[in-house]
Amino acid sequence: MSTIPIVVKHQGTKYDVEVDPESTGDVFKYQLYSLTGVEPERQKILVKGGQVKDDMQMSKFNFTPGQSIMMLGTPSKDNKEIAPPKEKIKFVEDMTEAEAAQQEGAIPAGLANLGNTCYLNSTLQTLRAIPELQTALVKYDPRAAPAASSLGTMTQLDLTKQLRELYQHMSETQEAYVPHTFLTSLRNAFPQFAERSQTGQGFAQQDAEEAWSQIVTQLRQRLIIKDNEQDSDPNSFVDKYMSGKFTSSLECDEPAAKDAGEKAIVSDETFLKLNCHIDGATNHLRDGIANGLSEKLEKKSEALDRDAVYTKTSKIARLPKYLTVHFVRFFWKRETQKKAKIMRKVTFPHELDLVEFCDDTLKERLVPVRDKVREIRKDEEDIERARKRRKRNAAGEDVEDIPGGKGAKDNKKSDAKKAGTSADGDVEMGETYKTDAEIDAERDAALLAAKKELHALVRPHLATSEGENQSGLYELRGVVTHQGASADSGHYTAYVKKTAPTDSKTGKRKDEDDKWWWFNDDKVTEVTSDKIEALAGGGESHSALILLYRAIPLPSADGTVE
């Protein structure tokens, strides 16, 4: 589209400017900076229909040739001329493959299927959605890591080292990568993944959940991290970021045992995943988690001197930053000698609230924070709705019901009172209205105060532990799916939430666009979130097997999201 010549008035001077409708407001501001010396952040450009914002498309204003607009603002005292970029601008076609893979909008690398290895590919792609894991792997030193008792220190058996190198290679390309070295290491370390197909051709299909568990277990043993160089108490990455704790109570179901003096056995346990047990009444993830936290087992009662049925009830005492949820869809079917699949449809949320499953101590810490988060979200939604409403009003829609809006239309009588003089000579005060800017400023100040209050509600222990969930709320980041009727057949894929790019100017994360990457071995496709809704199961089509949740980020005391 060709440029449009317009006139910009500033402090009595007129500037002829060519506007590119395809460009954004920040580009236009830099044009004016070169002419007036007023820095972009100090400019206020007034156009019929509103102000020019940095992220606005200039085509929105429908400029006509010769149109005049006004710019307000003065240069700062330390204003200097625009300096040329310190680094030479490099175009995509001139970049190396590794450089191009790091650019915003680059398609992440897929993984080649080496013969029934989709179970592994989907697991690796989902684990890669944990940025802290990739950071820890870069710093991993095999020589400093404790040796796994069952694997020793042999390089070919060090899955942590192989995972580090795999992710490094994947970060340097947009093409499908062949994970041959990692697969060989996995099969050497765990021969079950080297099982041959019953047909005699190639290797057998495996269970993605078993691959996930073995990889995470190895990371727990080998990937040791320090919060800083002076840290004398290093911690396992998995223990810090991916493990939770249960407080469990084991009690006999028979009253006679209690009458005989038998007490409940209370214990603490570490968990690396929550199981969603599926039965005929399970319709939602919450139902399945509740099933998994209460189980029956048979053991000998010392009080009764015989076997009896016990109920084990578990409550969560620690919630990790990254939570793995496993849909227990596979069970051993004796007739077919295979792991059959439970086809039942079980829905799951994009945001998961686990507060109800916590013990009283943790619940007391999380509830005030969770409730405050929801209150702030509602306020933010109300403010955004009001701003959008005013935008529509500026475009000519009805604004009579908008506080601080344009007011009543010309053909309607205004109800506003004017200041006048009463019979006794006193001045009567008329109604006053706040401007949109004043209303926004008040709401933003109240919102910031609420965020500071939220920050104060977080208990000191949770506030200093970046590996724990501080609110009890989780957002969905990854899904491993299975298509087919049994674990030993079918096909696995992975869905991973797209991470918002970082703003090069502010260094802060931009808003996410609610899009996902679908990893189908070497094929990588961008999909919308409605595809995730279809993974609840109900047949042999793709259904969720593993969910990866991340603790929702809390806004910091200054209002930014950490």
Protein backbone atom coordinates (compact mmCIF):
# COMPACT_ATOMS: atom_id res chain seq x y z
CA MET A 1 0.00 0.00 0.00
CA SER A 2 1.39 3.45 -0.91
CA THR A 3 2.15 6.13 1.67
CA ILE A 4 -0.21 9.02 2.44
CA PRO A 5 1.13 12.61 2.71
CA ILE A 6 -0.18 14.44 5.79
CA VAL A 7 0.75 17.57 7.77
CA VAL A 8 1.80 17.44 11.42
CA LYS A 9 1.59 20.67 13.43
CA HIS A 10 3.95 21.12 16.36
CA GLN A 11 4.68 24.34 18.25
CA GLY A 12 3.69 26.55 15.30
CA THR A 13 5.67 24.56 12.72
CA LYS A 14 4.17 22.36 10.03
CA TYR A 15 5.93 19.16 8.99
CA ASP A 16 5.16 17.19 5.84
CA VAL A 17 5.14 13.49 6.71
CA GLU A 18 4.57 10.40 4.59
CA VAL A 19 2.50 7.84 6.57
CA ASP A 20 2.67 4.15 5.78
CA PRO A 21 -0.77 2.67 6.65
CA GLU A 22 0.82 -0.75 7.20
CA SER A 23 3.16 0.58 9.91
CA THR A 24 2.42 1.00 13.61
CA GLY A 25 2.26 4.02 15.89
CA ASP A 26 5.78 3.58 17.26
CA VAL A 27 7.23 3.73 13.73
CA PHE A 28 5.30 6.95 13.08
CA LYS A 29 6.57 8.45 16.34
CA TYR A 30 10.16 7.78 15.34
CA GLN A 31 9.47 9.60 12.06
CA LEU A 32 8.36 12.63 14.07
CA TYR A 33 11.33 12.23 16.41
CA SER A 34 13.69 12.65 13.47
CA LEU A 35 11.86 15.87 12.49
CA THR A 36 11.11 17.48 15.86
CA GLY A 37 13.63 15.99 18.29
CA VAL A 38 10.81 15.01 20.67
CA GLU A 39 11.36 11.48 21.98
CA PRO A 40 8.56 9.00 21.15
CA GLU A 41 7.65 8.47 24.81
CA ARG A 42 7.16 12.26 25.24
CA GLN A 43 4.90 12.64 22.20
CA LYS A 44 1.13 13.03 22.35
CA ILE A 45 -0.34 12.83 18.85
CA LEU A 46 -3.96 13.94 18.57
CA VAL A 47 -6.03 12.50 15.75
CA LYS A 48 -9.75 12.58 15.22
CA GLY A 49 -10.92 9.38 16.90
CA GLY A 50 -8.27 9.23 19.60
CA GLN A 51 -4.53 9.28 20.20
CA VAL A 52 -1.82 7.41 18.35
CA LYS A 53 -0.62 4.49 20.50
CA ASP A 54 2.57 2.52 19.91
CA ASP A 55 0.88 -0.74 18.91
CA MET A 56 -1.87 0.78 16.75
CA GLN A 57 -1.98 0.19 13.01
CA MET A 58 -1.85 3.55 11.23
CA SER A 59 -4.49 2.34 8.77
CA LYS A 60 -6.99 2.61 11.66
CA PHE A 61 -7.07 6.42 11.31
CA ASN A 62 -8.03 6.46 7.59
CA PHE A 63 -5.81 9.44 6.81
CA THR A 64 -6.59 11.47 3.68
CA PRO A 65 -3.88 13.26 1.64
CA GLY A 66 -3.13 16.68 3.10
CA GLN A 67 -4.91 16.01 6.40
CA SER A 68 -3.57 17.97 9.38
CA ILE A 69 -3.01 16.53 12.84
CA MET A 70 -1.37 17.94 15.98
CA MET A 71 1.50 16.72 18.10
CA LEU A 72 2.18 17.88 21.67
CA GLY A 73 5.38 17.42 23.63
CA THR A 74 8.84 18.85 24.16
CA PRO A 75 12.29 17.26 23.98
CA SER A 76 13.88 16.20 27.26
CA LYS A 77 16.88 18.11 28.56
CA ASP A 78 19.29 15.27 27.89
CA ASN A 79 17.93 14.67 24.41
CA LYS A 80 20.56 13.50 21.99
CA GLU A 81 20.50 12.79 18.31
CA ILE A 82 19.43 9.36 17.17
CA ALA A 83 22.47 7.15 17.17
CA PRO A 84 22.93 4.49 14.52
CA PRO A 85 22.44 0.92 15.77
CA LYS A 86 25.51 -0.48 17.49
CA GLU A 87 25.07 -3.81 15.78
CA LYS A 88 24.55 -4.27 12.10
CA ILE A 89 20.98 -5.20 11.23
CA LYS A 90 20.83 -8.79 10.01
CA PHE A 91 18.00 -10.04 7.83
CA VAL A 92 16.55 -13.52 8.18
CA GLU A 93 17.98 -14.67 4.87
CA ASP A 94 21.46 -13.74 6.15
CA MET A 95 21.10 -15.59 9.46
CA THR A 96 22.47 -19.00 10.29
CA GLU A 97 19.99 -21.79 10.95
CA ALA A 98 20.57 -21.45 14.71
CA GLU A 99 20.01 -17.68 14.63
CA ALA A 100 16.80 -18.02 12.62
CA ALA A 101 15.48 -20.60 15.10
CA GLN A 102 15.79 -18.03 17.91
CA GLN A 103 13.71 -15.35 16.19
CA GLU A 104 10.19 -14.39 17.26
CA GLY A 105 7.64 -16.45 15.36
CA ALA A 106 10.08 -19.27 14.55
CA ILE A 107 8.52 -22.73 14.38
CA PRO A 108 10.03 -25.05 17.04
CA ALA A 109 11.78 -28.20 15.92
CA GLY A 110 9.87 -31.45 15.57
CA LEU A 111 11.30 -34.92 16.28
CA ALA A 112 11.64 -37.69 13.72
CA ASN A 113 9.83 -40.95 14.45
CA LEU A 114 12.43 -43.76 14.53
CA GLY A 115 9.83 -46.52 14.50
CA ASN A 116 7.11 -46.48 17.16
CA THR A 117 8.90 -43.71 19.09
CA CYS A 118 6.02 -41.22 19.12
CA TYR A 119 5.60 -42.02 22.86
CA LEU A 120 9.08 -40.59 23.46
CA ASN A 121 8.77 -37.63 21.07
CA SER A 122 5.58 -36.37 22.73
CA THR A 123 7.14 -36.74 26.19
CA LEU A 124 10.28 -34.82 25.23
CA GLN A 125 8.33 -31.98 23.59
CA THR A 126 6.12 -31.51 26.65
CA LEU A 127 9.01 -31.55 29.15
CA ARG A 128 10.73 -28.95 26.96
CA ALA A 129 7.87 -26.56 27.86
CA ILE A 130 9.54 -26.04 31.27
CA PRO A 131 11.98 -23.13 30.75
CA GLU A 132 13.61 -23.62 34.16
CA LEU A 133 14.49 -27.18 33.13
CA GLN A 134 16.30 -25.99 30.01
CA THR A 135 18.20 -23.40 32.05
CA ALA A 136 19.26 -26.03 34.60
CA LEU A 137 20.32 -28.45 31.85
CA VAL A 138 22.61 -25.83 30.29
CA LYS A 139 24.46 -25.60 33.63
CA TYR A 140 24.53 -29.37 34.16
CA ASP A 141 28.00 -30.82 34.77
CA PRO A 142 28.03 -34.64 34.62
CA ARG A 143 31.25 -34.75 36.65
CA ALA A 144 29.65 -32.91 39.57
CA ALA A 145 26.39 -34.85 39.52
CA PRO A 146 25.80 -37.73 41.95
CA ALA A 147 26.04 -41.10 40.28
CA ALA A 148 22.75 -42.98 39.98
CA SER A 149 23.23 -46.24 41.86
CA SER A 150 21.71 -48.36 39.10
CA LEU A 151 23.34 -46.60 36.16
CA GLY A 152 26.77 -45.56 37.28
CA THR A 153 28.48 -42.68 35.49
CA MET A 154 28.72 -44.07 31.95
CA THR A 155 28.14 -41.26 29.47
CA GLN A 156 25.89 -43.35 27.24
CA LEU A 157 23.63 -44.04 30.23
CA ASP A 158 23.51 -40.44 31.47
CA LEU A 159 20.05 -39.42 30.26
CA THR A 160 20.42 -35.96 31.80
CA LYS A 161 23.49 -35.22 29.68
CA GLN A 162 21.81 -36.63 26.58
CA LEU A 163 18.68 -34.54 27.26
CA ARG A 164 20.82 -31.40 27.58
CA GLU A 165 22.43 -32.04 24.19
CA LEU A 166 19.11 -32.96 22.57
CA TYR A 167 17.42 -29.73 23.64
CA GLN A 168 20.48 -27.74 22.58
CA HIS A 169 20.31 -29.19 19.06
CA MET A 170 16.54 -28.61 18.91
CA SER A 171 16.98 -24.94 19.83
CA GLU A 172 19.27 -24.42 16.83
CA THR A 173 16.96 -25.59 14.06
CA GLN A 174 13.41 -25.37 12.77
CA GLU A 175 13.74 -28.71 10.97
CA ALA A 176 12.84 -32.09 12.44
CA TYR A 177 15.65 -33.42 14.62
CA VAL A 178 16.57 -37.11 14.85
CA PRO A 179 16.79 -38.09 18.56
CA HIS A 180 18.83 -41.23 17.88
CA THR A 181 21.44 -40.71 20.60
CA PHE A 182 18.89 -40.04 23.33
CA LEU A 183 16.77 -43.02 22.27
CA THR A 184 19.81 -45.30 22.37
CA SER A 185 20.67 -44.07 25.86
CA LEU A 186 17.10 -44.62 27.04
CA ARG A 187 17.09 -48.19 25.73
CA ASN A 188 20.50 -48.94 27.25
CA ALA A 189 19.41 -47.55 30.62
CA PHE A 190 15.94 -49.13 30.55
CA PRO A 191 15.81 -52.26 28.36
CA GLN A 192 11.99 -52.30 28.51
CA PHE A 193 12.01 -49.58 25.83
CA ALA A 194 14.07 -51.89 23.57
CA GLU A 195 11.31 -54.50 23.42
CA ARG A 196 10.78 -55.81 19.91
CA SER A 197 7.40 -55.76 18.19
CA GLN A 198 5.40 -59.00 18.34
CA THR A 199 5.17 -58.88 14.57
CA GLY A 200 8.94 -59.20 14.43
CA GLN A 201 9.38 -55.90 12.61
CA GLY A 202 11.12 -53.13 14.53
CA PHE A 203 10.53 -52.04 18.11
CA ALA A 204 7.26 -52.21 20.04
CA GLN A 205 5.12 -49.20 20.94
CA GLN A 206 5.55 -48.07 24.56
CA ASP A 207 3.58 -46.15 27.18
CA ALA A 208 4.40 -42.41 27.18
CA GLU A 209 3.67 -42.20 30.91
CA GLU A 210 6.35 -44.81 31.64
CA ALA A 211 8.87 -42.87 29.54
CA TRP A 212 7.90 -39.65 31.33
CA SER A 213 8.32 -41.25 34.77
CA GLN A 214 11.72 -42.79 33.98
CA ILE A 215 13.11 -39.55 32.54
CA VAL A 216 11.85 -37.46 35.46
CA THR A 217 13.24 -40.00 37.95
CA GLN A 218 16.67 -39.77 36.32
CA LEU A 219 16.54 -35.98 36.36
CA ARG A 220 15.68 -36.13 40.05
CA GLN A 221 18.79 -38.17 40.75
CA ARG A 222 21.24 -36.32 38.54
CA LEU A 223 20.13 -32.73 37.94
CA ILE A 224 21.27 -30.90 41.08
CA ILE A 225 20.90 -27.12 41.22
CA LYS A 226 22.04 -24.29 43.46
CA ASP A 227 20.16 -21.04 44.04
CA ASN A 228 23.53 -19.25 44.01
CA GLU A 229 27.25 -20.02 44.11
CA GLN A 230 27.31 -19.68 47.91
CA ASP A 231 24.46 -22.19 48.34
CA SER A 232 25.78 -24.95 50.62
CA ASP A 233 22.58 -26.98 50.36
CA PRO A 234 22.02 -27.85 46.68
CA ASN A 235 18.68 -29.32 45.71
CA SER A 236 17.37 -31.63 43.03
CA PHE A 237 15.68 -29.72 40.21
CA VAL A 238 12.75 -32.12 40.26
CA ASP A 239 12.36 -31.89 44.04
CA LYS A 240 12.30 -28.10 43.82
CA TYR A 241 10.06 -27.53 40.80
CA MET A 242 8.12 -30.75 40.07
CA SER A 243 7.54 -32.66 43.32
CA GLY A 244 4.74 -32.28 45.84
CA LYS A 245 4.08 -33.77 49.25
CA PHE A 246 1.19 -35.68 50.74
CA THR A 247 0.13 -35.98 54.35
CA SER A 248 -1.55 -39.38 54.45
CA SER A 249 -3.67 -41.15 57.04
CA LEU A 250 -4.18 -44.93 57.02
CA GLU A 251 -7.12 -46.10 59.16
CA CYS A 252 -8.95 -49.42 59.55
CA ASP A 253 -12.54 -49.42 58.31
CA GLU A 254 -13.74 -51.70 61.10
CA PRO A 255 -14.86 -49.94 64.33
CA ALA A 256 -13.62 -52.92 66.33
CA ALA A 257 -10.01 -51.99 65.52
CA LYS A 258 -10.51 -48.45 66.81
CA ASP A 259 -12.25 -49.78 69.91
CA ALA A 260 -9.26 -52.04 70.50
CA GLY A 261 -7.00 -48.99 70.57
CA GLU A 262 -5.61 -49.05 67.03
CA LYS A 263 -4.77 -45.53 65.87
CA ALA A 264 -4.52 -44.12 62.38
CA ILE A 265 -1.04 -44.16 60.84
CA VAL A 266 -0.01 -40.69 59.65
CA SER A 267 2.86 -40.32 57.19
CA ASP A 268 4.41 -37.88 54.73
CA GLU A 269 5.06 -38.88 51.13
CA THR A 270 6.59 -37.24 48.07
CA PHE A 271 4.74 -37.39 44.75
CA LEU A 272 5.91 -36.58 41.22
CA LYS A 273 2.44 -36.69 39.67
CA LEU A 274 -1.23 -36.73 40.63
CA ASN A 275 -3.22 -39.65 39.30
CA CYS A 276 -6.69 -39.14 37.86
CA HIS A 277 -8.43 -42.48 38.47
CA ILE A 278 -11.33 -43.10 36.10
CA ASP A 279 -14.45 -45.08 36.99
CA GLY A 280 -18.09 -45.05 35.92
CA ALA A 281 -18.79 -41.82 37.81
CA THR A 282 -15.73 -39.86 36.66
CA ASN A 283 -16.73 -37.00 34.38
CA HIS A 284 -14.20 -34.30 35.26
CA LEU A 285 -10.55 -34.16 36.27
CA ARG A 286 -11.58 -33.11 39.77
CA ASP A 287 -13.54 -36.37 40.22
CA GLY A 288 -10.55 -38.46 39.18
CA ILE A 289 -8.10 -36.62 41.45
CA ALA A 290 -10.50 -37.09 44.38
CA ASN A 291 -10.63 -40.82 43.57
CA GLY A 292 -6.84 -40.98 43.57
CA LEU A 293 -6.53 -39.35 46.99
CA SER A 294 -8.69 -41.96 48.69
CA GLU A 295 -7.94 -45.65 48.24
CA LYS A 296 -8.79 -48.97 49.85
CA LEU A 297 -6.19 -51.59 50.71
CA GLU A 298 -6.04 -54.78 52.73
CA LYS A 299 -3.44 -55.41 55.42
CA LYS A 300 -3.09 -57.17 58.73
CA SER A 301 -4.57 -55.38 61.72
CA GLU A 302 -2.47 -55.77 64.84
CA ALA A 303 -5.49 -55.02 67.00
CA LEU A 304 -7.72 -57.58 65.30
CA ASP A 305 -4.88 -60.05 64.58
CA ARG A 306 -6.20 -60.64 61.06
CA ASP A 307 -6.40 -59.01 57.65
CA ALA A 308 -8.78 -56.06 57.40
CA VAL A 309 -9.71 -53.33 54.92
CA TYR A 310 -8.08 -49.94 55.43
CA THR A 311 -8.75 -46.54 53.87
CA LYS A 312 -5.79 -44.38 52.95
CA THR A 313 -6.68 -40.69 52.69
CA SER A 314 -4.16 -38.19 51.37
CA LYS A 315 -4.06 -34.40 51.54
CA ILE A 316 -1.58 -32.22 49.66
CA ALA A 317 0.97 -30.49 51.91
CA ARG A 318 3.15 -29.01 49.14
CA LEU A 319 2.20 -27.92 45.63
CA PRO A 320 5.06 -27.68 43.11
CA LYS A 321 5.37 -24.95 40.50
CA TYR A 322 4.99 -27.56 37.75
CA LEU A 323 2.35 -30.22 38.32
CA THR A 324 2.04 -33.43 36.32
CA VAL A 325 -1.38 -35.07 36.15
CA HIS A 326 -1.72 -38.60 34.78
CA PHE A 327 -5.02 -39.95 33.44
CA VAL A 328 -4.96 -43.61 34.46
CA ARG A 329 -6.57 -44.80 31.23
CA PHE A 330 -4.64 -48.04 30.74
CA PHE A 331 -5.22 -51.27 32.68
CA TRP A 332 -4.04 -54.83 32.17
CA LYS A 333 -6.67 -56.91 30.39
CA ARG A 334 -6.11 -60.57 31.11
CA GLU A 335 -8.10 -61.87 28.13
CA THR A 336 -5.98 -60.02 25.55
CA GLN A 337 -2.77 -59.83 27.61
CA LYS A 338 -2.53 -56.14 26.75
CA LYS A 339 -2.92 -52.78 28.40
CA ALA A 340 -6.48 -51.85 27.41
CA LYS A 341 -7.68 -48.27 27.34
CA ILE A 342 -10.55 -46.70 29.28
CA MET A 343 -12.37 -44.64 26.65
CA ARG A 344 -14.56 -42.61 29.02
CA LYS A 345 -14.75 -38.86 28.39
CA VAL A 346 -13.15 -36.89 31.22
CA THR A 347 -13.00 -33.11 30.84
CA PHE A 348 -10.20 -30.98 32.28
CA PRO A 349 -9.82 -27.21 32.79
CA HIS A 350 -7.29 -24.74 31.38
CA GLU A 351 -7.09 -23.38 34.92
CA LEU A 352 -7.00 -25.88 37.78
CA ASP A 353 -7.78 -25.04 41.42
CA LEU A 354 -6.30 -27.59 43.84
CA VAL A 355 -6.93 -25.77 47.12
CA GLU A 356 -9.74 -28.13 48.15
CA PHE A 357 -7.31 -31.09 48.10
CA CYS A 358 -4.74 -29.42 50.41
CA ASP A 359 -4.30 -30.03 54.12
CA ASP A 360 -5.52 -27.38 56.55
CA THR A 361 -2.10 -25.78 57.01
CA LEU A 362 -1.48 -25.25 53.30
CA LYS A 363 -5.09 -24.32 52.65
CA GLU A 364 -4.85 -21.53 55.24
CA ARG A 365 -1.86 -20.09 53.33
CA LEU A 366 -3.35 -20.39 49.84
CA VAL A 367 -7.00 -19.35 50.21
CA PRO A 368 -6.42 -15.61 50.87
CA VAL A 369 -4.00 -15.39 47.92
CA ARG A 370 -6.28 -17.32 45.57
CA ASP A 371 -9.32 -15.21 46.47
CA LYS A 372 -7.35 -11.98 46.03
CA VAL A 373 -6.12 -13.12 42.61
CA ARG A 374 -9.70 -13.69 41.50
CA GLU A 375 -10.77 -10.31 42.85
CA ILE A 376 -7.97 -8.56 40.93
CA ARG A 377 -8.84 -10.42 37.75
CA LYS A 378 -12.45 -9.30 37.99
CA ASP A 379 -11.33 -5.68 38.49
CA GLU A 380 -9.01 -5.92 35.49
CA GLU A 381 -11.79 -7.33 33.33
CA ASP A 382 -14.15 -4.54 34.43
CA ILE A 383 -11.56 -1.88 33.62
CA GLU A 384 -10.83 -3.41 30.22
CA ARG A 385 -14.52 -3.63 29.39
CA ALA A 386 -14.99 0.03 30.30
CA ARG A 387 -12.08 1.06 28.09
CA LYS A 388 -13.36 -0.96 25.15
CA ARG A 389 -16.79 0.56 25.65
CA ARG A 390 -15.32 4.05 25.48
CA LYS A 391 -13.46 3.12 22.31
CA ARG A 392 -16.73 2.08 20.70
CA ASN A 393 -18.27 5.32 21.90
CA ALA A 394 -15.51 7.33 20.29
CA ALA A 395 -16.41 5.61 17.05
CA GLY A 396 -19.93 7.08 17.26
CA GLU A 397 -21.84 4.52 19.31
CA ASP A 398 -24.12 5.45 22.20
CA VAL A 399 -22.22 6.81 25.20
CA GLU A 400 -24.94 8.10 27.47
CA ASP A 401 -24.36 5.43 30.06
CA ILE A 402 -20.59 5.80 30.20
CA PRO A 403 -19.13 7.69 33.17
CA GLY A 404 -16.74 10.27 31.84
CA GLY A 405 -17.94 9.71 28.27
CA LYS A 406 -19.01 12.28 25.70
CA GLY A 407 -22.33 12.91 27.40
CA ALA A 408 -25.84 12.94 25.92
CA LYS A 409 -26.46 13.32 22.22
CA ASP A 410 -27.31 16.72 20.83
CA ASN A 411 -30.97 15.88 20.25
CA LYS A 412 -31.49 14.93 23.88
CA LYS A 413 -31.76 17.27 26.81
CA SER A 414 -28.87 17.10 29.25
CA ASP A 415 -29.75 16.41 32.87
CA ALA A 416 -26.62 18.12 34.16
CA LYS A 417 -27.27 21.10 36.38
CA LYS A 418 -25.43 24.35 35.82
CA ALA A 419 -24.03 26.45 38.63
CA GLY A 420 -26.43 29.25 39.54
CA THR A 421 -27.58 31.52 42.35
CA SER A 422 -30.33 30.55 44.77
CA ALA A 423 -33.02 32.89 46.12
CA ASP A 424 -30.97 33.71 49.21
CA GLY A 425 -27.93 34.59 47.14
CA ASP A 426 -25.88 31.44 47.81
CA VAL A 427 -24.07 29.87 44.87
CA GLU A 428 -25.47 26.47 43.94
CA MET A 429 -22.85 23.96 42.83
CA GLY A 430 -23.61 22.12 39.62
CA GLU A 431 -22.79 18.48 38.92
CA THR A 432 -19.19 17.76 37.98
CA TYR A 433 -17.92 14.96 35.82
CA LYS A 434 -14.56 13.26 35.85
CA THR A 435 -12.60 12.90 32.66
CA ASP A 436 -11.79 9.49 31.23
CA ALA A 437 -8.16 10.02 32.24
CA GLU A 438 -9.14 10.73 35.85
CA ILE A 439 -11.38 7.67 35.99
CA ASP A 440 -8.62 5.48 34.54
CA ALA A 441 -6.07 6.89 36.96
CA GLU A 442 -8.30 6.16 39.96
CA ARG A 443 -9.03 2.61 38.82
CA ASP A 444 -5.38 1.91 38.03
CA ALA A 445 -4.34 3.21 41.46
CA ALA A 446 -6.92 1.00 43.17
CA LEU A 447 -5.77 -1.98 41.13
CA LEU A 448 -2.13 -1.37 42.00
CA ALA A 449 -3.04 -1.13 45.68
CA ALA A 450 -4.86 -4.47 45.42
CA LYS A 451 -1.80 -6.08 43.81
CA LYS A 452 0.41 -4.80 46.61
CA GLU A 453 -2.07 -6.23 49.10
CA LEU A 454 -1.90 -9.56 47.25
CA HIS A 455 1.88 -9.51 47.51
CA ALA A 456 1.60 -8.97 51.27
CA LEU A 457 -0.77 -11.94 51.63
CA VAL A 458 1.82 -14.44 50.39
CA ARG A 459 3.41 -16.13 53.41
CA PRO A 460 7.18 -15.54 53.72
CA HIS A 461 8.01 -19.21 53.13
CA LEU A 462 6.04 -19.33 49.87
CA ALA A 463 7.23 -15.88 48.79
CA THR A 464 10.87 -16.99 48.86
CA SER A 465 10.29 -20.43 47.30
CA GLU A 466 10.17 -20.05 43.53
CA GLY A 467 9.58 -23.79 43.16
CA GLU A 468 6.19 -23.80 44.90
CA ASN A 469 2.68 -22.72 43.98
CA GLN A 470 1.67 -19.60 45.93
CA SER A 471 -2.05 -19.53 45.13
CA GLY A 472 -3.22 -23.10 44.51
CA LEU A 473 -4.15 -22.13 40.93
CA TYR A 474 -2.54 -23.71 37.87
CA GLU A 475 -2.63 -22.95 34.14
CA LEU A 476 -2.37 -25.69 31.52
CA ARG A 477 0.91 -25.64 29.54
CA GLY A 478 1.21 -29.04 27.90
CA VAL A 479 -0.74 -32.18 27.01
CA VAL A 480 0.46 -35.62 25.92
CA THR A 481 -2.29 -37.38 23.98
CA HIS A 482 -2.93 -40.95 22.88
CA GLN A 483 -4.99 -42.20 19.95
CA GLY A 484 -6.01 -45.84 19.84
CA ALA A 485 -7.42 -48.67 21.98
CA SER A 486 -4.34 -49.83 23.93
CA ALA A 487 -1.03 -48.55 25.26
CA ASP A 488 0.90 -50.95 23.05
CA SER A 489 -0.57 -49.55 19.86
CA GLY A 490 -1.98 -46.30 18.52
CA HIS A 491 -0.22 -42.97 18.31
CA TYR A 492 1.03 -40.30 20.74
CA THR A 493 1.27 -36.55 20.11
CA ALA A 494 1.85 -33.45 22.25
CA TYR A 495 0.27 -30.01 22.56
CA VAL A 496 2.33 -27.20 24.11
CA LYS A 497 1.10 -23.68 24.87
CA LYS A 498 2.92 -21.01 22.88
CA THR A 499 5.10 -18.80 25.05
CA ALA A 500 4.64 -15.07 24.61
CA PRO A 501 7.68 -13.33 23.08
CA THR A 502 9.69 -10.82 25.07
CA ASP A 503 9.38 -7.13 24.23
CA SER A 504 12.82 -6.02 22.99
CA LYS A 505 12.31 -2.53 24.43
CA THR A 506 11.00 -3.28 27.93
CA GLY A 507 12.33 -6.81 28.43
CA LYS A 508 8.87 -7.89 29.62
CA ARG A 509 6.72 -10.69 28.29
CA LYS A 510 3.98 -9.71 25.88
CA ASP A 511 0.44 -11.07 26.21
CA GLU A 512 -0.07 -14.65 25.02
CA ASP A 513 -2.28 -15.17 21.99
CA ASP A 514 -3.98 -18.36 23.26
CA LYS A 515 -2.36 -20.45 20.51
CA TRP A 516 -0.75 -23.88 20.90
CA TRP A 517 1.90 -25.91 19.10
CA TRP A 518 0.81 -29.40 18.08
CA PHE A 519 3.81 -31.74 17.89
CA ASN A 520 2.99 -34.76 15.75
CA ASP A 521 6.49 -36.26 15.50
CA ASP A 522 8.27 -34.25 12.77
CA LYS A 523 5.16 -32.20 11.91
CA VAL A 524 4.63 -29.02 13.96
CA THR A 525 1.40 -27.06 13.55
CA GLU A 526 -0.06 -23.99 15.23
CA VAL A 527 -3.58 -24.61 16.56
CA THR A 528 -6.16 -22.72 18.61
CA SER A 529 -7.20 -23.59 22.17
CA ASP A 530 -10.47 -25.18 21.03
CA LYS A 531 -8.37 -28.17 19.90
CA ILE A 532 -7.47 -28.75 23.54
CA GLU A 533 -11.15 -28.95 24.49
CA ALA A 534 -11.51 -31.91 22.12
CA LEU A 535 -8.94 -34.01 24.02
CA ALA A 536 -11.31 -35.13 26.80
CA GLY A 537 -11.68 -38.60 25.26
CA GLY A 538 -14.81 -40.63 24.69
CA GLY A 539 -13.49 -42.86 21.90
CA GLU A 540 -10.34 -43.99 20.13
CA SER A 541 -9.53 -40.47 18.95
CA HIS A 542 -6.81 -38.40 20.63
CA SER A 543 -7.42 -38.12 24.38
CA ALA A 544 -5.28 -36.55 27.10
CA LEU A 545 -2.95 -38.93 28.92
CA ILE A 546 -0.59 -36.51 30.70
CA LEU A 547 -1.27 -32.88 31.63
CA LEU A 548 1.48 -30.42 32.54
CA TYR A 549 0.26 -27.50 34.64
CA ARG A 550 2.23 -24.46 35.80
CA ALA A 551 1.45 -22.30 38.83
CA ILE A 552 -0.16 -19.08 37.64
CA PRO A 553 2.27 -16.14 37.81
CA LEU A 554 1.36 -13.56 40.43
CA PRO A 555 1.63 -9.83 39.74
CA SER A 556 4.50 -8.34 41.72
CA ALA A 557 4.10 -5.46 44.15
CA ASP A 558 4.68 -2.93 41.35
CA GLY A 559 1.86 -4.45 39.30
CA THR A 560 3.91 -6.30 36.69
CA VAL A 561 3.53 -10.04 36.17
CA GLU A 562 6.62 -11.95 37.19
